[in-house]
Amino acid sequence: MNTSPVPFRRIILVCLNERPAGEASCGPRGGKEIADLLKKGVNDLGLKGQVRVTKTHCLGLCQLGPNVVVYPEGTLLSGVTPADVPAILEKYAKAEVK
């Protein structure tokens, strides 16, 4: 196994998990739209290659979703809506890692 530093200064995980009907999950609540908007925003800001937006499955806390996790901060954002995307880009994608 080889190890190397992560090539991105920030990674944003967006949950797209889908549970059976009647169970809370991020996918049907707008996870895909949020991920697509974040990816577009990162590209529009010229940050592709620096900030990675990744679609993922369950991040836990499904009842609070859609959920987004930002690394290296390890911050969980819950109840995210498309209207939150500009603020997420401003606070995390554009900011330098401390």
PDB file of N, CA and C in Angstrom:
ATOM      1  N   MET A   1       0.842  -1.175   0.000  1.00  0.00           N
ATOM      2  CA  MET A   1       0.000   0.000   0.000  1.00  0.00           C
ATOM      3  C   MET A   1       0.888   1.238   0.000  1.00  0.00           C
ATOM      4  N   ASN A   2       0.538   2.192  -0.812  1.00  0.00           N
ATOM      5  CA  ASN A   2       1.239   3.471  -0.871  1.00  0.00           C
ATOM      6  C   ASN A   2       0.403   4.527  -0.174  1.00  0.00           C
ATOM      7  N   THR A   3       1.065   5.483   0.416  1.00  0.00           N
ATOM      8  CA  THR A   3       0.359   6.613   1.018  1.00  0.00           C
ATOM      9  C   THR A   3       0.876   7.905   0.401  1.00  0.00           C
ATOM     10  N   SER A   4       0.006   8.887   0.331  1.00  0.00           N
ATOM     11  CA  SER A   4       0.391  10.206  -0.169  1.00  0.00           C
ATOM     12  C   SER A   4      -0.597  11.223   0.384  1.00  0.00           C
ATOM     13  N   PRO A   5      -0.209  12.485   0.395  1.00  0.00           N
ATOM     14  CA  PRO A   5      -1.126  13.510   0.871  1.00  0.00           C
ATOM     15  C   PRO A   5      -2.340  13.626  -0.060  1.00  0.00           C
ATOM     16  N   VAL A   6      -3.458  14.002   0.518  1.00  0.00           N
ATOM     17  CA  VAL A   6      -4.664  14.233  -0.278  1.00  0.00           C
ATOM     18  C   VAL A   6      -4.382  15.430  -1.186  1.00  0.00           C
ATOM     19  N   PRO A   7      -4.698  15.322  -2.478  1.00  0.00           N
ATOM     20  CA  PRO A   7      -4.348  16.406  -3.409  1.00  0.00           C
ATOM     21  C   PRO A   7      -5.299  17.609  -3.387  1.00  0.00           C
ATOM     22  N   PHE A   8      -6.291  17.607  -2.505  1.00  0.00           N
ATOM     23  CA  PHE A   8      -7.255  18.709  -2.435  1.00  0.00           C
ATOM     24  C   PHE A   8      -7.102  19.420  -1.102  1.00  0.00           C
ATOM     25  N   ARG A   9      -7.286  20.730  -1.094  1.00  0.00           N
ATOM     26  CA  ARG A   9      -7.199  21.447   0.174  1.00  0.00           C
ATOM     27  C   ARG A   9      -8.486  21.327   0.978  1.00  0.00           C
ATOM     28  N   ARG A  10      -9.561  20.958   0.289  1.00  0.00           N
ATOM     29  CA  ARG A  10     -10.835  20.770   0.980  1.00  0.00           C
ATOM     30  C   ARG A  10     -11.645  19.718   0.233  1.00  0.00           C
ATOM     31  N   ILE A  11     -12.357  18.877   0.984  1.00  0.00           N
ATOM     32  CA  ILE A  11     -13.247  17.864   0.418  1.00  0.00           C
ATOM     33  C   ILE A  11     -14.632  18.085   1.015  1.00  0.00           C
ATOM     34  N   ILE A  12     -15.624  18.155   0.134  1.00  0.00           N
ATOM     35  CA  ILE A  12     -17.009  18.349   0.555  1.00  0.00           C
ATOM     36  C   ILE A  12     -17.789  17.101   0.149  1.00  0.00           C
ATOM     37  N   LEU A  13     -18.309  16.375   1.139  1.00  0.00           N
ATOM     38  CA  LEU A  13     -19.093  15.161   0.899  1.00  0.00           C
ATOM     39  C   LEU A  13     -20.573  15.501   0.987  1.00  0.00           C
ATOM     40  N   VAL A  14     -21.337  15.077  -0.006  1.00  0.00           N
ATOM     41  CA  VAL A  14     -22.774  15.335  -0.028  1.00  0.00           C
ATOM     42  C   VAL A  14     -23.505  14.002  -0.058  1.00  0.00           C
ATOM     43  N   CYS A  15     -24.371  13.779   0.925  1.00  0.00           N
ATOM     44  CA  CYS A  15     -25.106  12.518   1.008  1.00  0.00           C
ATOM     45  C   CYS A  15     -26.216  12.466  -0.042  1.00  0.00           C
ATOM     46  N   LEU A  16     -26.264  11.330  -0.745  1.00  0.00           N
ATOM     47  CA  LEU A  16     -27.330  11.070  -1.724  1.00  0.00           C
ATOM     48  C   LEU A  16     -28.080   9.792  -1.371  1.00  0.00           C
ATOM     49  N   ASN A  17     -27.902   9.301  -0.143  1.00  0.00           N
ATOM     50  CA  ASN A  17     -28.486   8.024   0.237  1.00  0.00           C
ATOM     51  C   ASN A  17     -30.005   8.019   0.079  1.00  0.00           C
ATOM     52  N   GLU A  18     -30.524   6.872  -0.369  1.00  0.00           N
ATOM     53  CA  GLU A  18     -31.970   6.695  -0.501  1.00  0.00           C
ATOM     54  C   GLU A  18     -32.396   5.479   0.305  1.00  0.00           C
ATOM     55  N   ARG A  19     -33.289   5.708   1.248  1.00  0.00           N
ATOM     56  CA  ARG A  19     -33.846   4.640   2.075  1.00  0.00           C
ATOM     57  C   ARG A  19     -35.222   4.281   1.540  1.00  0.00           C
ATOM     58  N   PRO A  20     -35.806   3.188   2.037  1.00  0.00           N
ATOM     59  CA  PRO A  20     -37.161   2.814   1.594  1.00  0.00           C
ATOM     60  C   PRO A  20     -38.163   3.933   1.857  1.00  0.00           C
ATOM     61  N   ALA A  21     -39.230   3.927   1.093  1.00  0.00           N
ATOM     62  CA  ALA A  21     -40.287   4.941   1.230  1.00  0.00           C
ATOM     63  C   ALA A  21     -40.729   5.057   2.682  1.00  0.00           C
ATOM     64  N   GLY A  22     -40.911   6.279   3.111  1.00  0.00           N
ATOM     65  CA  GLY A  22     -41.354   6.532   4.474  1.00  0.00           C
ATOM     66  C   GLY A  22     -40.225   6.713   5.473  1.00  0.00           C
ATOM     67  N   GLU A  23     -38.984   6.434   5.074  1.00  0.00           N
ATOM     68  CA  GLU A  23     -37.831   6.614   5.955  1.00  0.00           C
ATOM     69  C   GLU A  23     -37.046   7.833   5.498  1.00  0.00           C
ATOM     70  N   ALA A  24     -36.583   8.630   6.456  1.00  0.00           N
ATOM     71  CA  ALA A  24     -35.818   9.833   6.144  1.00  0.00           C
ATOM     72  C   ALA A  24     -34.524   9.484   5.428  1.00  0.00           C
ATOM     73  N   SER A  25     -34.217  10.236   4.376  1.00  0.00           N
ATOM     74  CA  SER A  25     -32.945  10.086   3.682  1.00  0.00           C
ATOM     75  C   SER A  25     -32.651  11.335   2.865  1.00  0.00           C
ATOM     76  N   CYS A  26     -31.380  11.557   2.616  1.00  0.00           N
ATOM     77  CA  CYS A  26     -30.928  12.794   1.974  1.00  0.00           C
ATOM     78  C   CYS A  26     -31.204  12.853   0.476  1.00  0.00           C
ATOM     79  N   GLY A  27     -31.103  11.723  -0.208  1.00  0.00           N
ATOM     80  CA  GLY A  27     -31.282  11.724  -1.658  1.00  0.00           C
ATOM     81  C   GLY A  27     -32.583  12.347  -2.108  1.00  0.00           C
ATOM     82  N   PRO A  28     -33.720  11.836  -1.628  1.00  0.00           N
ATOM     83  CA  PRO A  28     -35.000  12.396  -2.053  1.00  0.00           C
ATOM     84  C   PRO A  28     -35.265  13.811  -1.549  1.00  0.00           C
ATOM     85  N   ARG A  29     -34.497  14.256  -0.586  1.00  0.00           N
ATOM     86  CA  ARG A  29     -34.684  15.596  -0.034  1.00  0.00           C
ATOM     87  C   ARG A  29     -33.838  16.650  -0.747  1.00  0.00           C
ATOM     88  N   GLY A  30     -33.174  16.299  -1.813  1.00  0.00           N
ATOM     89  CA  GLY A  30     -32.438  17.289  -2.593  1.00  0.00           C
ATOM     90  C   GLY A  30     -30.934  17.139  -2.593  1.00  0.00           C
ATOM     91  N   GLY A  31     -30.428  16.012  -2.087  1.00  0.00           N
ATOM     92  CA  GLY A  31     -28.982  15.812  -2.046  1.00  0.00           C
ATOM     93  C   GLY A  31     -28.304  15.946  -3.402  1.00  0.00           C
ATOM     94  N   LYS A  32     -28.903  15.358  -4.441  1.00  0.00           N
ATOM     95  CA  LYS A  32     -28.286  15.418  -5.768  1.00  0.00           C
ATOM     96  C   LYS A  32     -28.225  16.851  -6.283  1.00  0.00           C
ATOM     97  N   GLU A  33     -29.302  17.600  -6.107  1.00  0.00           N
ATOM     98  CA  GLU A  33     -29.305  18.994  -6.563  1.00  0.00           C
ATOM     99  C   GLU A  33     -28.240  19.808  -5.830  1.00  0.00           C
ATOM    100  N   ILE A  34     -28.115  19.579  -4.532  1.00  0.00           N
ATOM    101  CA  ILE A  34     -27.104  20.291  -3.742  1.00  0.00           C
ATOM    102  C   ILE A  34     -25.705  19.943  -4.234  1.00  0.00           C
ATOM    103  N   ALA A  35     -25.436  18.655  -4.454  1.00  0.00           N
ATOM    104  CA  ALA A  35     -24.128  18.230  -4.955  1.00  0.00           C
ATOM    105  C   ALA A  35     -23.833  18.856  -6.307  1.00  0.00           C
ATOM    106  N   ASP A  36     -24.816  18.843  -7.201  1.00  0.00           N
ATOM    107  CA  ASP A  36     -24.615  19.414  -8.531  1.00  0.00           C
ATOM    108  C   ASP A  36     -24.341  20.912  -8.457  1.00  0.00           C
ATOM    109  N   LEU A  37     -25.064  21.616  -7.588  1.00  0.00           N
ATOM    110  CA  LEU A  37     -24.848  23.059  -7.437  1.00  0.00           C
ATOM    111  C   LEU A  37     -23.471  23.358  -6.836  1.00  0.00           C
ATOM    112  N   LEU A  38     -23.051  22.557  -5.864  1.00  0.00           N
ATOM    113  CA  LEU A  38     -21.723  22.743  -5.282  1.00  0.00           C
ATOM    114  C   LEU A  38     -20.630  22.491  -6.316  1.00  0.00           C
ATOM    115  N   LYS A  39     -20.775  21.414  -7.106  1.00  0.00           N
ATOM    116  CA  LYS A  39     -19.788  21.131  -8.151  1.00  0.00           C
ATOM    117  C   LYS A  39     -19.711  22.268  -9.162  1.00  0.00           C
ATOM    118  N   LYS A  40     -20.870  22.752  -9.581  1.00  0.00           N
ATOM    119  CA  LYS A  40     -20.903  23.860 -10.539  1.00  0.00           C
ATOM    120  C   LYS A  40     -20.247  25.097  -9.933  1.00  0.00           C
ATOM    121  N   GLY A  41     -20.551  25.369  -8.673  1.00  0.00           N
ATOM    122  CA  GLY A  41     -19.963  26.530  -8.008  1.00  0.00           C
ATOM    123  C   GLY A  41     -18.452  26.435  -7.907  1.00  0.00           C
ATOM    124  N   VAL A  42     -17.956  25.268  -7.550  1.00  0.00           N
ATOM    125  CA  VAL A  42     -16.501  25.067  -7.464  1.00  0.00           C
ATOM    126  C   VAL A  42     -15.866  25.288  -8.836  1.00  0.00           C
ATOM    127  N   ASN A  43     -16.472  24.744  -9.873  1.00  0.00           N
ATOM    128  CA  ASN A  43     -15.944  24.934 -11.227  1.00  0.00           C
ATOM    129  C   ASN A  43     -15.995  26.405 -11.641  1.00  0.00           C
ATOM    130  N   ASP A  44     -17.129  27.067 -11.376  1.00  0.00           N
ATOM    131  CA  ASP A  44     -17.281  28.482 -11.742  1.00  0.00           C
ATOM    132  C   ASP A  44     -16.271  29.370 -11.022  1.00  0.00           C
ATOM    133  N   LEU A  45     -15.892  28.991  -9.812  1.00  0.00           N
ATOM    134  CA  LEU A  45     -14.908  29.753  -9.042  1.00  0.00           C
ATOM    135  C   LEU A  45     -13.469  29.429  -9.443  1.00  0.00           C
ATOM    136  N   GLY A  46     -13.302  28.487 -10.367  1.00  0.00           N
ATOM    137  CA  GLY A  46     -11.963  28.095 -10.799  1.00  0.00           C
ATOM    138  C   GLY A  46     -11.214  27.297  -9.749  1.00  0.00           C
ATOM    139  N   LEU A  47     -11.949  26.588  -8.903  1.00  0.00           N
ATOM    140  CA  LEU A  47     -11.331  25.838  -7.810  1.00  0.00           C
ATOM    141  C   LEU A  47     -11.253  24.335  -8.062  1.00  0.00           C
ATOM    142  N   LYS A  48     -11.608  23.909  -9.268  1.00  0.00           N
ATOM    143  CA  LYS A  48     -11.500  22.487  -9.596  1.00  0.00           C
ATOM    144  C   LYS A  48     -10.038  22.072  -9.422  1.00  0.00           C
ATOM    145  N   GLY A  49      -9.822  20.956  -8.762  1.00  0.00           N
ATOM    146  CA  GLY A  49      -8.465  20.501  -8.473  1.00  0.00           C
ATOM    147  C   GLY A  49      -7.986  20.933  -7.095  1.00  0.00           C
ATOM    148  N   GLN A  50      -8.665  21.932  -6.518  1.00  0.00           N
ATOM    149  CA  GLN A  50      -8.339  22.383  -5.167  1.00  0.00           C
ATOM    150  C   GLN A  50      -9.402  21.956  -4.159  1.00  0.00           C
ATOM    151  N   VAL A  51     -10.655  22.008  -4.607  1.00  0.00           N
ATOM    152  CA  VAL A  51     -11.791  21.633  -3.766  1.00  0.00           C
ATOM    153  C   VAL A  51     -12.530  20.505  -4.465  1.00  0.00           C
ATOM    154  N   ARG A  52     -12.742  19.422  -3.759  1.00  0.00           N
ATOM    155  CA  ARG A  52     -13.409  18.250  -4.321  1.00  0.00           C
ATOM    156  C   ARG A  52     -14.793  18.106  -3.712  1.00  0.00           C
ATOM    157  N   VAL A  53     -15.816  18.060  -4.563  1.00  0.00           N
ATOM    158  CA  VAL A  53     -17.180  17.770  -4.124  1.00  0.00           C
ATOM    159  C   VAL A  53     -17.457  16.331  -4.520  1.00  0.00           C
ATOM    160  N   THR A  54     -17.802  15.512  -3.533  1.00  0.00           N
ATOM    161  CA  THR A  54     -18.013  14.089  -3.762  1.00  0.00           C
ATOM    162  C   THR A  54     -19.393  13.674  -3.291  1.00  0.00           C
ATOM    163  N   LYS A  55     -20.100  12.960  -4.151  1.00  0.00           N
ATOM    164  CA  LYS A  55     -21.391  12.387  -3.790  1.00  0.00           C
ATOM    165  C   LYS A  55     -21.119  11.097  -3.030  1.00  0.00           C
ATOM    166  N   THR A  56     -21.823  10.922  -1.930  1.00  0.00           N
ATOM    167  CA  THR A  56     -21.588   9.749  -1.098  1.00  0.00           C
ATOM    168  C   THR A  56     -22.909   9.184  -0.583  1.00  0.00           C
ATOM    169  N   HIS A  57     -22.803   8.068   0.091  1.00  0.00           N
ATOM    170  CA  HIS A  57     -23.984   7.472   0.718  1.00  0.00           C
ATOM    171  C   HIS A  57     -24.064   7.943   2.157  1.00  0.00           C
ATOM    172  N   CYS A  58     -24.797   7.274   2.963  1.00  0.00           N
ATOM    173  CA  CYS A  58     -25.199   7.730   4.285  1.00  0.00           C
ATOM    174  C   CYS A  58     -24.056   8.303   5.126  1.00  0.00           C
ATOM    175  N   LEU A  59     -24.298   9.497   5.639  1.00  0.00           N
ATOM    176  CA  LEU A  59     -23.378  10.155   6.560  1.00  0.00           C
ATOM    177  C   LEU A  59     -23.923  10.127   7.985  1.00  0.00           C
ATOM    178  N   GLY A  60     -25.062   9.469   8.165  1.00  0.00           N
ATOM    179  CA  GLY A  60     -25.702   9.427   9.475  1.00  0.00           C
ATOM    180  C   GLY A  60     -26.630  10.621   9.659  1.00  0.00           C
ATOM    181  N   LEU A  61     -27.405  10.587  10.704  1.00  0.00           N
ATOM    182  CA  LEU A  61     -28.339  11.667  11.030  1.00  0.00           C
ATOM    183  C   LEU A  61     -29.305  11.951   9.886  1.00  0.00           C
ATOM    184  N   CYS A  62     -29.810  10.887   9.287  1.00  0.00           N
ATOM    185  CA  CYS A  62     -30.688  11.001   8.115  1.00  0.00           C
ATOM    186  C   CYS A  62     -31.881  11.922   8.362  1.00  0.00           C
ATOM    187  N   GLN A  63     -32.411  11.892   9.579  1.00  0.00           N
ATOM    188  CA  GLN A  63     -33.584  12.701   9.882  1.00  0.00           C
ATOM    189  C   GLN A  63     -33.284  14.200   9.817  1.00  0.00           C
ATOM    190  N   LEU A  64     -32.003  14.586   9.829  1.00  0.00           N
ATOM    191  CA  LEU A  64     -31.617  15.996   9.771  1.00  0.00           C
ATOM    192  C   LEU A  64     -31.221  16.449   8.368  1.00  0.00           C
ATOM    193  N   GLY A  65     -31.189  15.515   7.418  1.00  0.00           N
ATOM    194  CA  GLY A  65     -30.658  15.787   6.088  1.00  0.00           C
ATOM    195  C   GLY A  65     -31.492  16.737   5.259  1.00  0.00           C
ATOM    196  N   PRO A  66     -30.969  17.059   4.113  1.00  0.00           N
ATOM    197  CA  PRO A  66     -29.725  16.614   3.501  1.00  0.00           C
ATOM    198  C   PRO A  66     -28.494  17.053   4.299  1.00  0.00           C
ATOM    199  N   ASN A  67     -27.511  16.148   4.337  1.00  0.00           N
ATOM    200  CA  ASN A  67     -26.287  16.373   5.101  1.00  0.00           C
ATOM    201  C   ASN A  67     -25.086  16.541   4.186  1.00  0.00           C
ATOM    202  N   VAL A  68     -24.195  17.421   4.621  1.00  0.00           N
ATOM    203  CA  VAL A  68     -22.940  17.703   3.922  1.00  0.00           C
ATOM    204  C   VAL A  68     -21.847  17.694   4.985  1.00  0.00           C
ATOM    205  N   VAL A  69     -20.708  17.072   4.687  1.00  0.00           N
ATOM    206  CA  VAL A  69     -19.565  17.089   5.597  1.00  0.00           C
ATOM    207  C   VAL A  69     -18.398  17.743   4.871  1.00  0.00           C
ATOM    208  N   VAL A  70     -17.712  18.633   5.578  1.00  0.00           N
ATOM    209  CA  VAL A  70     -16.583  19.374   5.001  1.00  0.00           C
ATOM    210  C   VAL A  70     -15.308  18.979   5.735  1.00  0.00           C
ATOM    211  N   TYR A  71     -14.290  18.583   4.963  1.00  0.00           N
ATOM    212  CA  TYR A  71     -12.969  18.270   5.500  1.00  0.00           C
ATOM    213  C   TYR A  71     -11.948  19.224   4.917  1.00  0.00           C
ATOM    214  N   PRO A  72     -10.940  19.627   5.666  1.00  0.00           N
ATOM    215  CA  PRO A  72     -10.428  18.978   6.866  1.00  0.00           C
ATOM    216  C   PRO A  72     -11.101  19.405   8.166  1.00  0.00           C
ATOM    217  N   GLU A  73     -12.060  20.319   8.114  1.00  0.00           N
ATOM    218  CA  GLU A  73     -12.687  20.782   9.347  1.00  0.00           C
ATOM    219  C   GLU A  73     -13.450  19.696  10.092  1.00  0.00           C
ATOM    220  N   GLY A  74     -14.021  18.734   9.346  1.00  0.00           N
ATOM    221  CA  GLY A  74     -14.849  17.717   9.962  1.00  0.00           C
ATOM    222  C   GLY A  74     -16.189  18.285  10.399  1.00  0.00           C
ATOM    223  N   THR A  75     -16.674  19.260   9.659  1.00  0.00           N
ATOM    224  CA  THR A  75     -17.929  19.941   9.992  1.00  0.00           C
ATOM    225  C   THR A  75     -19.104  19.267   9.305  1.00  0.00           C
ATOM    226  N   LEU A  76     -20.138  18.962  10.078  1.00  0.00           N
ATOM    227  CA  LEU A  76     -21.383  18.416   9.533  1.00  0.00           C
ATOM    228  C   LEU A  76     -22.365  19.559   9.358  1.00  0.00           C
ATOM    229  N   LEU A  77     -22.859  19.725   8.141  1.00  0.00           N
ATOM    230  CA  LEU A  77     -23.907  20.693   7.835  1.00  0.00           C
ATOM    231  C   LEU A  77     -25.175  19.881   7.598  1.00  0.00           C
ATOM    232  N   SER A  78     -26.228  20.164   8.332  1.00  0.00           N
ATOM    233  CA  SER A  78     -27.455  19.389   8.173  1.00  0.00           C
ATOM    234  C   SER A  78     -28.611  20.302   7.781  1.00  0.00           C
ATOM    235  N   GLY A  79     -29.634  19.704   7.186  1.00  0.00           N
ATOM    236  CA  GLY A  79     -30.772  20.480   6.723  1.00  0.00           C
ATOM    237  C   GLY A  79     -30.401  21.428   5.604  1.00  0.00           C
ATOM    238  N   VAL A  80     -29.410  21.054   4.813  1.00  0.00           N
ATOM    239  CA  VAL A  80     -28.910  21.915   3.735  1.00  0.00           C
ATOM    240  C   VAL A  80     -29.953  22.001   2.619  1.00  0.00           C
ATOM    241  N   THR A  81     -30.103  23.193   2.072  1.00  0.00           N
ATOM    242  CA  THR A  81     -30.994  23.417   0.938  1.00  0.00           C
ATOM    243  C   THR A  81     -30.189  24.036  -0.197  1.00  0.00           C
ATOM    244  N   PRO A  82     -30.723  24.028  -1.409  1.00  0.00           N
ATOM    245  CA  PRO A  82     -30.017  24.700  -2.517  1.00  0.00           C
ATOM    246  C   PRO A  82     -29.703  26.164  -2.214  1.00  0.00           C
ATOM    247  N   ALA A  83     -30.555  26.811  -1.443  1.00  0.00           N
ATOM    248  CA  ALA A  83     -30.315  28.216  -1.091  1.00  0.00           C
ATOM    249  C   ALA A  83     -29.071  28.394  -0.212  1.00  0.00           C
ATOM    250  N   ASP A  84     -28.615  27.322   0.451  1.00  0.00           N
ATOM    251  CA  ASP A  84     -27.425  27.381   1.307  1.00  0.00           C
ATOM    252  C   ASP A  84     -26.119  27.280   0.523  1.00  0.00           C
ATOM    253  N   VAL A  85     -26.185  26.847  -0.714  1.00  0.00           N
ATOM    254  CA  VAL A  85     -24.973  26.576  -1.491  1.00  0.00           C
ATOM    255  C   VAL A  85     -24.054  27.796  -1.602  1.00  0.00           C
ATOM    256  N   PRO A  86     -24.546  28.996  -1.924  1.00  0.00           N
ATOM    257  CA  PRO A  86     -23.618  30.140  -1.995  1.00  0.00           C
ATOM    258  C   PRO A  86     -22.851  30.376  -0.690  1.00  0.00           C
ATOM    259  N   ALA A  87     -23.516  30.217   0.451  1.00  0.00           N
ATOM    260  CA  ALA A  87     -22.847  30.412   1.733  1.00  0.00           C
ATOM    261  C   ALA A  87     -21.808  29.324   1.983  1.00  0.00           C
ATOM    262  N   ILE A  88     -22.109  28.091   1.599  1.00  0.00           N
ATOM    263  CA  ILE A  88     -21.155  26.988   1.758  1.00  0.00           C
ATOM    264  C   ILE A  88     -19.925  27.250   0.896  1.00  0.00           C
ATOM    265  N   LEU A  89     -20.142  27.676  -0.325  1.00  0.00           N
ATOM    266  CA  LEU A  89     -19.009  27.990  -1.206  1.00  0.00           C
ATOM    267  C   LEU A  89     -18.166  29.122  -0.641  1.00  0.00           C
ATOM    268  N   GLU A  90     -18.815  30.132  -0.129  1.00  0.00           N
ATOM    269  CA  GLU A  90     -18.102  31.281   0.445  1.00  0.00           C
ATOM    270  C   GLU A  90     -17.305  30.883   1.677  1.00  0.00           C
ATOM    271  N   LYS A  91     -17.946  30.166   2.591  1.00  0.00           N
ATOM    272  CA  LYS A  91     -17.303  29.828   3.862  1.00  0.00           C
ATOM    273  C   LYS A  91     -16.230  28.756   3.733  1.00  0.00           C
ATOM    274  N   TYR A  92     -16.461  27.771   2.852  1.00  0.00           N
ATOM    275  CA  TYR A  92     -15.550  26.632   2.798  1.00  0.00           C
ATOM    276  C   TYR A  92     -14.736  26.545   1.509  1.00  0.00           C
ATOM    277  N   ALA A  93     -15.373  26.641   0.364  1.00  0.00           N
ATOM    278  CA  ALA A  93     -14.635  26.440  -0.891  1.00  0.00           C
ATOM    279  C   ALA A  93     -13.634  27.557  -1.146  1.00  0.00           C
ATOM    280  N   LYS A  94     -14.041  28.791  -0.920  1.00  0.00           N
ATOM    281  CA  LYS A  94     -13.172  29.930  -1.211  1.00  0.00           C
ATOM    282  C   LYS A  94     -12.137  30.183  -0.127  1.00  0.00           C
ATOM    283  N   ALA A  95     -12.406  29.728   1.081  1.00  0.00           N
ATOM    284  CA  ALA A  95     -11.515  30.004   2.211  1.00  0.00           C
ATOM    285  C   ALA A  95     -10.282  29.109   2.200  1.00  0.00           C
ATOM    286  N   GLU A  96      -9.206  29.645   2.705  1.00  0.00           N
ATOM    287  CA  GLU A  96      -7.991  28.853   2.867  1.00  0.00           C
ATOM    288  C   GLU A  96      -8.140  27.944   4.079  1.00  0.00           C
ATOM    289  N   VAL A  97      -7.488  26.814   4.055  1.00  0.00           N
ATOM    290  CA  VAL A  97      -7.489  25.892   5.192  1.00  0.00           C
ATOM    291  C   VAL A  97      -6.567  26.467   6.259  1.00  0.00           C
ATOM    292  N   LYS A  98      -7.058  26.475   7.492  1.00  0.00           N
ATOM    293  CA  LYS A  98      -6.254  27.019   8.614  1.00  0.00           C
ATOM    294  C   LYS A  98      -5.460  25.936   9.275  1.00  0.00           C
TER     295      LYS A  98
END
